[in-house]
């Protein structure tokens, strides 16, 4: 006769496990702020992404490696902080071929890598094409350094479909997985209104919100199409912003130069077939992107990568807090900034760690209440952690003859 305890013992359901290798569709939405519908923003500016969160792992506290594209995207693909990488000394950074990217590692493993872009900063001469087998720019792409004066989401959607329909790039039998990266620029300043999308008004944020709604539609259209393809059932999708966007926080507009929460924080969505949808409230960083992509595609991480794969927690492992570093090295136009995020709090270091500010960012997104003078114990603890972590990030002097903003005489970092 069975005992009562044996009769009522719960059935253990095995946790789903990754089935590597996956194809990876990687999409960046430029200047995607953290305050969006999934964090309580009242305007429904991204209906497709909001719904997509129900079939993905949502990271609402995802931190960029910097606060603008030129210091954020290439380092994420290289798996290292921008200060560590070989580069020139200009704001619109040129990255050198001696830096190894995750795409080069995928090529070496025999996988196909492709990318389609629509802005001049992605011209091959600046280094962003490194490691791609098929790299295409939209016709008429040019480098505009004051803003983005071109509407491209609809055309980039079509280019992406074309590249993902090319049999050289995509193997319907899934015998040769692919990595595909597309960067949607339209939320970037200048902000244009798009007919057929909600008109929220004429101020900066209202026009930006219209841009986000427009881009959300075209990103969603691409992802829905991709997942409906024969290879879609074995495709992981990663969608994130490259940084945020300022709308007056600390009197700062657009992005770059500083590391305020509005500029450095974004969100990330990761859909992996078989992974349970959920939300991770712990802060995470783009330093984990390269290890996660490598893990999804079944290759070993580079020993020099600073991050770790998020795939275990995407499949349900526990999510411990860990420190997050945001790194913005000096260049000709921009002084050094670095930040440490631990749990609810963020420490910002200015210049050569000459001054620090401390904020409880989970309650103070606009960072209006500096706690450096009132919570001195936490300040000193976080400063000690910050200095310890900073020592692990090598300062690679940038190449060039420009005076670095804010640097003491003779210093090249």
Protein backbone atom coordinates (compact mmCIF):
# COMPACT_ATOMS: atom_id res chain seq x y z
CA UNK A 1 0.00 0.00 0.00
CA UNK A 2 1.43 3.39 -1.01
CA UNK A 3 2.15 5.84 1.75
CA UNK A 4 0.31 9.15 1.80
CA UNK A 5 3.52 11.09 1.16
CA UNK A 6 4.38 8.94 -1.85
CA UNK A 7 0.86 9.23 -3.25
CA UNK A 8 0.92 13.01 -3.10
CA UNK A 9 4.53 13.58 -4.19
CA UNK A 10 4.59 16.31 -6.84
CA UNK A 11 5.66 15.44 -10.37
CA UNK A 12 9.00 16.99 -11.22
CA UNK A 13 8.83 18.65 -14.62
CA UNK A 14 12.26 18.84 -16.26
CA UNK A 15 13.40 22.37 -16.97
CA UNK A 16 13.71 23.10 -20.70
CA UNK A 17 17.27 23.14 -21.99
CA UNK A 18 18.87 25.01 -24.91
CA UNK A 19 19.06 23.15 -28.21
CA UNK A 20 22.17 24.68 -29.73
CA UNK A 21 23.13 25.89 -32.22
CA UNK A 22 20.50 28.52 -32.96
CA UNK A 23 20.40 31.09 -35.71
CA UNK A 24 20.60 34.53 -34.10
CA UNK A 25 18.74 37.59 -35.38
CA UNK A 26 20.20 40.59 -33.56
CA UNK A 27 18.39 43.93 -33.83
CA UNK A 28 19.41 47.25 -32.32
CA UNK A 29 16.94 50.14 -32.07
CA UNK A 30 18.93 53.32 -31.81
CA UNK A 31 18.38 55.60 -28.79
CA UNK A 32 15.72 53.37 -27.17
CA UNK A 33 15.06 54.84 -23.73
CA UNK A 34 14.39 52.75 -20.65
CA UNK A 35 11.10 54.46 -19.76
CA UNK A 36 8.76 52.61 -22.09
CA UNK A 37 5.36 50.90 -21.70
CA UNK A 38 6.96 47.84 -20.07
CA UNK A 39 8.26 50.08 -17.27
CA UNK A 40 5.09 52.14 -16.84
CA UNK A 41 5.39 54.86 -19.47
CA UNK A 42 1.75 55.85 -20.19
CA UNK A 43 1.95 56.23 -23.98
CA UNK A 44 1.70 52.94 -25.85
CA UNK A 45 4.60 53.88 -28.12
CA UNK A 46 5.83 50.34 -28.82
CA UNK A 47 2.84 47.99 -29.06
CA UNK A 48 4.68 45.23 -30.92
CA UNK A 49 7.64 45.16 -28.50
CA UNK A 50 5.27 45.27 -25.54
CA UNK A 51 3.52 42.17 -26.86
CA UNK A 52 6.81 40.52 -27.85
CA UNK A 53 7.85 40.67 -24.19
CA UNK A 54 5.22 37.99 -23.55
CA UNK A 55 7.25 35.48 -25.57
CA UNK A 56 10.73 36.61 -24.52
CA UNK A 57 12.98 37.26 -21.57
CA UNK A 58 12.66 40.98 -20.87
CA UNK A 59 15.53 42.91 -19.31
CA UNK A 60 14.10 46.34 -18.38
CA UNK A 61 17.39 47.39 -16.74
CA UNK A 62 19.85 46.69 -19.54
CA UNK A 63 22.87 49.01 -19.56
CA UNK A 64 24.81 50.01 -22.61
CA UNK A 65 28.58 49.93 -22.48
CA UNK A 66 28.58 53.67 -23.10
CA UNK A 67 26.02 56.36 -23.95
CA UNK A 68 26.38 56.66 -27.72
CA UNK A 69 26.70 54.36 -30.71
CA UNK A 70 30.36 54.91 -31.51
CA UNK A 71 31.52 53.74 -28.07
CA UNK A 72 28.78 51.17 -27.48
CA UNK A 73 28.12 48.88 -30.46
CA UNK A 74 31.56 47.66 -31.51
CA UNK A 75 32.64 46.97 -27.90
CA UNK A 76 29.47 44.91 -27.38
CA UNK A 77 30.38 42.78 -30.42
CA UNK A 78 33.96 42.54 -29.13
CA UNK A 79 32.85 41.52 -25.63
CA UNK A 80 35.07 44.10 -23.95
CA UNK A 81 34.84 47.60 -22.52
CA UNK A 82 35.62 50.46 -24.93
CA UNK A 83 38.60 51.60 -22.84
CA UNK A 84 40.32 48.25 -23.47
CA UNK A 85 40.05 48.23 -27.25
CA UNK A 86 42.42 49.58 -29.90
CA UNK A 87 40.86 52.64 -31.52
CA UNK A 88 41.54 56.17 -32.66
CA UNK A 89 41.02 59.27 -30.52
CA UNK A 90 37.96 60.69 -32.29
CA UNK A 91 34.34 60.97 -31.19
CA UNK A 92 33.21 59.02 -34.26
CA UNK A 93 35.54 56.20 -33.33
CA UNK A 94 37.49 54.05 -35.77
CA UNK A 95 38.02 50.55 -34.35
CA UNK A 96 41.14 48.65 -35.38
CA UNK A 97 41.18 45.15 -36.94
CA UNK A 98 43.37 43.77 -34.14
CA UNK A 99 40.27 43.73 -31.90
CA UNK A 100 38.56 40.34 -32.18
CA UNK A 101 34.75 40.30 -32.47
CA UNK A 102 32.21 37.56 -31.81
CA UNK A 103 31.41 37.62 -35.53
CA UNK A 104 35.00 36.66 -36.38
CA UNK A 105 34.78 33.78 -33.93
CA UNK A 106 31.53 32.66 -35.57
CA UNK A 107 33.18 32.83 -38.99
CA UNK A 108 36.02 30.67 -37.72
CA UNK A 109 33.44 28.12 -36.55
CA UNK A 110 32.00 27.97 -40.07
CA UNK A 111 28.86 29.99 -39.44
CA UNK A 112 27.47 32.65 -41.79
CA UNK A 113 27.49 36.27 -40.61
CA UNK A 114 25.53 39.10 -42.24
CA UNK A 115 24.58 42.68 -41.53
CA UNK A 116 22.53 45.42 -43.20
CA UNK A 117 22.87 49.07 -42.18
CA UNK A 118 21.51 52.48 -43.07
CA UNK A 119 23.85 55.13 -41.64
CA UNK A 120 27.30 56.33 -42.60
CA UNK A 121 28.83 55.47 -39.24
CA UNK A 122 28.51 51.86 -40.37
CA UNK A 123 30.69 52.40 -43.42
CA UNK A 124 33.39 49.69 -43.47
CA UNK A 125 36.23 52.18 -42.97
CA UNK A 126 35.16 52.75 -39.35
CA UNK A 127 35.43 49.07 -38.44
CA UNK A 128 31.82 47.99 -37.85
CA UNK A 129 31.90 45.59 -40.81
CA UNK A 130 34.59 43.44 -39.17
CA UNK A 131 33.72 39.76 -39.14
CA UNK A 132 30.74 39.83 -41.52
CA UNK A 133 30.54 37.64 -44.63
CA UNK A 134 27.77 39.72 -46.21
CA UNK A 135 27.75 43.40 -45.23
CA UNK A 136 25.44 45.81 -47.06
CA UNK A 137 24.50 49.47 -46.76
CA UNK A 138 21.27 50.99 -47.97
CA UNK A 139 21.73 52.84 -51.27
CA UNK A 140 22.51 56.49 -50.67
CA UNK A 141 23.90 55.96 -47.16
CA UNK A 142 26.06 58.87 -46.03
CA UNK A 143 27.78 60.03 -42.84
CA UNK A 144 25.84 62.88 -41.25
CA UNK A 145 27.44 63.96 -37.99
CA UNK A 146 24.82 66.38 -36.65
CA UNK A 147 21.79 64.06 -36.66
CA UNK A 148 20.08 61.43 -38.75
CA UNK A 149 18.29 63.17 -41.60
CA UNK A 150 17.00 60.08 -43.36
CA UNK A 151 14.06 57.75 -42.69
CA UNK A 152 15.26 54.17 -43.07
CA UNK A 153 13.22 51.64 -41.03
CA UNK A 154 10.98 50.60 -43.92
CA UNK A 155 13.91 50.30 -46.33
CA UNK A 156 16.09 48.47 -43.79
CA UNK A 157 13.24 46.02 -43.25
CA UNK A 158 13.24 45.26 -46.98
CA UNK A 159 17.03 44.94 -47.09
CA UNK A 160 16.96 42.55 -44.13
CA UNK A 161 14.34 40.38 -45.82
CA UNK A 162 16.41 40.32 -48.99
CA UNK A 163 19.56 39.26 -47.13
CA UNK A 164 17.68 36.67 -45.08
CA UNK A 165 16.20 35.21 -48.28
CA UNK A 166 19.60 34.79 -49.92
CA UNK A 167 20.53 31.07 -49.98
CA UNK A 168 24.18 32.02 -49.45
CA UNK A 169 23.17 33.44 -46.05
CA UNK A 170 20.36 31.22 -44.83
CA UNK A 171 20.30 27.43 -44.93
CA UNK A 172 16.68 26.19 -44.57
CA UNK A 173 18.01 22.81 -43.38
CA UNK A 174 19.67 24.55 -40.40
CA UNK A 175 22.95 22.78 -41.11
CA UNK A 176 24.79 26.12 -41.24
CA UNK A 177 23.46 28.57 -38.64
CA UNK A 178 23.66 32.31 -39.27
CA UNK A 179 24.12 35.47 -37.24
CA UNK A 180 22.34 38.55 -38.66
CA UNK A 181 22.58 42.11 -37.30
CA UNK A 182 20.38 45.05 -38.35
CA UNK A 183 20.43 48.50 -36.72
CA UNK A 184 17.23 50.59 -36.92
CA UNK A 185 18.15 54.27 -36.67
CA UNK A 186 14.91 56.23 -36.83
CA UNK A 187 14.42 57.11 -33.13
CA UNK A 188 17.76 58.95 -33.37
CA UNK A 189 17.60 62.77 -33.56
CA UNK A 190 16.31 64.44 -35.79
CA UNK A 191 12.79 63.37 -34.88
CA UNK A 192 10.39 63.12 -37.81
CA UNK A 193 6.64 62.55 -37.65
CA UNK A 194 5.35 59.54 -39.55
CA UNK A 195 1.80 59.57 -40.96
CA UNK A 196 -0.26 56.63 -39.83
CA UNK A 197 1.37 56.57 -36.39
CA UNK A 198 0.07 58.38 -33.28
CA UNK A 199 0.67 62.14 -33.25
CA UNK A 200 1.55 62.96 -29.67
CA UNK A 201 2.41 66.61 -30.29
CA UNK A 202 5.33 68.71 -31.41
CA UNK A 203 7.78 68.78 -28.51
CA UNK A 204 10.93 66.65 -28.59
CA UNK A 205 9.60 63.70 -26.59
CA UNK A 206 6.32 63.65 -28.51
CA UNK A 207 8.09 63.50 -31.85
CA UNK A 208 10.51 60.89 -30.54
CA UNK A 209 7.58 58.76 -29.36
CA UNK A 210 6.14 58.87 -32.87
CA UNK A 211 9.51 57.70 -34.21
CA UNK A 212 9.58 54.81 -31.72
CA UNK A 213 6.07 53.75 -32.76
CA UNK A 214 7.12 53.83 -36.43
CA UNK A 215 10.28 51.80 -35.78
CA UNK A 216 8.43 49.35 -33.55
CA UNK A 217 6.13 48.55 -36.47
CA UNK A 218 8.94 47.80 -38.92
CA UNK A 219 11.01 45.83 -36.40
CA UNK A 220 7.96 43.78 -35.51
CA UNK A 221 7.15 43.17 -39.16
CA UNK A 222 10.68 41.86 -39.74
CA UNK A 223 10.72 39.59 -36.69
CA UNK A 224 7.25 38.17 -37.35
CA UNK A 225 8.29 37.40 -40.93
CA UNK A 226 11.57 35.82 -39.81
CA UNK A 227 9.94 33.56 -37.24
CA UNK A 228 7.44 32.38 -39.88
CA UNK A 229 10.23 31.15 -42.19
CA UNK A 230 11.29 27.48 -42.32
CA UNK A 231 14.41 28.38 -40.34
CA UNK A 232 12.46 30.53 -37.86
CA UNK A 233 11.69 27.69 -35.46
CA UNK A 234 15.42 27.43 -34.75
CA UNK A 235 16.08 31.18 -34.54
CA UNK A 236 16.80 33.21 -31.41
CA UNK A 237 15.94 36.91 -31.53
CA UNK A 238 17.74 39.58 -29.51
CA UNK A 239 16.38 43.14 -29.59
CA UNK A 240 17.94 45.99 -27.63
CA UNK A 241 18.84 49.67 -27.77
CA UNK A 242 22.41 50.83 -28.20
CA UNK A 243 21.85 53.55 -25.56
CA UNK A 244 19.10 55.82 -24.29
CA UNK A 245 18.13 59.40 -25.14
CA UNK A 246 18.03 62.56 -23.04
CA UNK A 247 15.05 64.86 -22.81
CA UNK A 248 16.25 67.44 -20.31
CA UNK A 249 17.52 65.28 -17.45
CA UNK A 250 20.35 67.38 -15.97
CA UNK A 251 19.63 69.73 -18.90
CA UNK A 252 21.00 67.07 -21.26
CA UNK A 253 19.43 66.33 -24.63
CA UNK A 254 20.12 63.55 -27.14
CA UNK A 255 22.98 61.31 -25.89
CA UNK A 256 26.76 60.91 -25.39
CA UNK A 257 29.07 62.88 -23.06
CA UNK A 258 27.43 61.76 -19.78
CA UNK A 259 26.17 58.55 -18.19
CA UNK A 260 22.83 59.64 -16.78
CA UNK A 261 20.27 56.87 -16.50
CA UNK A 262 18.28 58.30 -19.42
CA UNK A 263 21.36 57.99 -21.65
CA UNK A 264 23.04 54.77 -20.53
CA UNK A 265 20.07 52.52 -19.77
CA UNK A 266 17.86 50.79 -22.30
CA UNK A 267 16.03 47.44 -22.47
CA UNK A 268 16.65 44.04 -24.04
CA UNK A 269 14.32 41.29 -25.27
CA UNK A 270 15.62 37.76 -25.87
CA UNK A 271 13.38 35.17 -27.51
CA UNK A 272 14.83 31.65 -27.61
CA UNK A 273 12.68 28.72 -28.78
CA UNK A 274 11.76 26.63 -25.77
CA UNK A 275 12.77 29.20 -23.13
CA UNK A 276 10.00 30.26 -20.73
CA UNK A 277 9.00 33.94 -21.09
CA UNK A 278 9.82 35.96 -17.99
CA UNK A 279 11.17 39.26 -16.76
CA UNK A 280 14.57 39.85 -15.13
CA UNK A 281 14.58 42.94 -12.93
CA UNK A 282 18.25 42.68 -11.98
CA UNK A 283 20.55 45.08 -13.86
CA UNK A 284 22.47 43.57 -16.74
CA UNK A 285 24.95 44.90 -19.32
CA UNK A 286 25.75 44.65 -23.01
CA UNK A 287 29.11 43.25 -21.89
CA UNK A 288 27.15 39.97 -21.80
CA UNK A 289 26.01 40.15 -25.43
CA UNK A 290 29.02 38.49 -27.09
CA UNK A 291 29.12 35.58 -24.59
CA UNK A 292 25.35 35.09 -24.98
CA UNK A 293 25.53 35.08 -28.79
CA UNK A 294 28.42 32.61 -28.68
CA UNK A 295 26.53 30.36 -26.26
CA UNK A 296 23.38 30.42 -28.42
CA UNK A 297 25.45 29.36 -31.42
CA UNK A 298 27.40 26.71 -29.55
CA UNK A 299 30.93 28.14 -29.59
CA UNK A 300 33.29 28.66 -26.68
CA UNK A 301 33.66 32.14 -25.18
CA UNK A 302 36.77 34.19 -25.78
CA UNK A 303 38.92 34.15 -22.61
CA UNK A 304 39.30 37.94 -22.83
CA UNK A 305 35.57 38.63 -22.74
CA UNK A 306 34.52 40.47 -19.59
CA UNK A 307 30.89 39.31 -19.49
CA UNK A 308 29.08 36.01 -19.18
CA UNK A 309 26.33 34.26 -21.09
CA UNK A 310 22.76 35.11 -20.11
CA UNK A 311 21.45 31.87 -21.61
CA UNK A 312 21.25 29.94 -18.29
CA UNK A 313 19.03 32.59 -16.72
CA UNK A 314 17.00 32.88 -19.93
CA UNK A 315 16.18 29.19 -19.42
CA UNK A 316 15.22 29.75 -15.80
CA UNK A 317 18.32 29.65 -13.62
CA UNK A 318 18.40 31.95 -10.59
CA UNK A 319 19.27 35.58 -11.28
CA UNK A 320 21.77 36.90 -8.73
CA UNK A 321 22.74 40.54 -8.63
CA UNK A 322 26.18 41.40 -9.94
CA UNK A 323 27.94 44.72 -10.51
CA UNK A 324 27.51 46.52 -13.83
CA UNK A 325 30.14 48.90 -15.24
CA UNK A 326 29.39 51.56 -17.86
CA UNK A 327 32.59 52.80 -19.49
CA UNK A 328 33.02 55.98 -21.53
CA UNK A 329 36.69 56.68 -22.32
CA UNK A 330 38.05 60.04 -23.37
CA UNK A 331 38.21 61.20 -26.96
CA UNK A 332 38.73 64.53 -28.69
CA UNK A 333 35.27 65.86 -27.74
CA UNK A 334 34.35 63.96 -24.59
CA UNK A 335 35.78 63.65 -21.09
CA UNK A 336 36.07 60.34 -19.26
CA UNK A 337 33.05 58.98 -17.40
CA UNK A 338 32.49 55.65 -15.71
CA UNK A 339 29.60 54.27 -13.66
CA UNK A 340 28.97 51.34 -11.35
CA UNK A 341 25.47 49.91 -10.90
CA UNK A 342 24.85 47.63 -7.92
CA UNK A 343 21.27 46.62 -7.20
CA UNK A 344 19.13 49.73 -6.83
CA UNK A 345 22.05 52.17 -6.81
CA UNK A 346 24.36 53.80 -9.33
CA UNK A 347 27.68 55.53 -8.70
CA UNK A 348 28.96 57.91 -11.38
CA UNK A 349 32.66 58.82 -11.51
CA UNK A 350 33.61 62.05 -13.30
CA UNK A 351 36.92 62.65 -15.05
CA UNK A 352 39.82 60.85 -13.41
CA UNK A 353 37.59 59.81 -10.49
CA UNK A 354 37.81 63.36 -9.20
CA UNK A 355 34.15 63.49 -8.14
CA UNK A 356 31.37 60.99 -7.53
CA UNK A 357 27.58 61.09 -7.47
CA UNK A 358 25.29 58.42 -6.01
CA UNK A 359 21.66 57.77 -6.92
CA UNK A 360 18.98 55.23 -6.07
CA UNK A 361 18.00 54.83 -9.69
CA UNK A 362 15.12 52.40 -9.13
CA UNK A 363 13.26 55.28 -7.44
CA UNK A 364 15.00 58.26 -9.04
CA UNK A 365 15.25 57.67 -12.80
CA UNK A 366 15.97 61.37 -13.46
CA UNK A 367 18.78 61.28 -10.85
CA UNK A 368 17.57 64.39 -9.09
CA UNK A 369 18.62 63.35 -5.58
CA UNK A 370 22.38 62.90 -5.17
CA UNK A 371 22.96 60.74 -2.09
CA UNK A 372 26.74 61.24 -1.99
CA UNK A 373 26.52 63.52 1.06
CA UNK A 374 23.68 61.80 2.90
CA UNK A 375 24.48 58.10 2.41
CA UNK A 376 28.23 58.30 2.96
CA UNK A 377 28.58 54.68 4.07
CA UNK A 378 27.10 53.38 0.83
CA UNK A 379 29.14 55.92 -1.13
CA UNK A 380 32.42 54.70 0.34
CA UNK A 381 31.49 51.03 -0.13
CA UNK A 382 30.54 51.55 -3.76
CA UNK A 383 33.65 53.67 -4.41
CA UNK A 384 35.81 50.82 -3.11
CA UNK A 385 33.98 48.35 -5.38
CA UNK A 386 34.24 50.75 -8.29
CA UNK A 387 37.99 51.22 -7.89
CA UNK A 388 38.51 47.47 -7.61
CA UNK A 389 36.53 46.78 -10.80
CA UNK A 390 38.16 49.67 -12.66
CA UNK A 391 41.57 48.16 -12.05
CA UNK A 392 40.47 45.14 -14.11
CA UNK A 393 39.71 47.34 -17.15
CA UNK A 394 42.91 48.13 -18.99
CA UNK A 395 43.24 51.65 -20.39
CA UNK A 396 44.32 51.33 -24.03
CA UNK A 397 45.66 54.73 -25.20
CA UNK A 398 43.78 55.78 -28.36
CA UNK A 399 45.84 56.42 -31.47
CA UNK A 400 46.03 59.97 -32.84
CA UNK A 401 47.25 63.46 -32.11
CA UNK A 402 44.06 65.07 -30.75
CA UNK A 403 44.05 66.53 -27.27
CA UNK A 404 41.76 64.30 -25.20
CA UNK A 405 39.02 66.26 -23.48
CA UNK A 406 39.70 66.74 -19.78
CA UNK A 407 42.98 64.82 -19.82
CA UNK A 408 45.97 66.08 -17.85
CA UNK A 409 48.96 67.05 -20.01
CA UNK A 410 50.59 64.02 -21.57
CA UNK A 411 47.87 61.53 -20.65
CA UNK A 412 46.60 59.45 -23.57
CA UNK A 413 43.59 57.83 -21.92
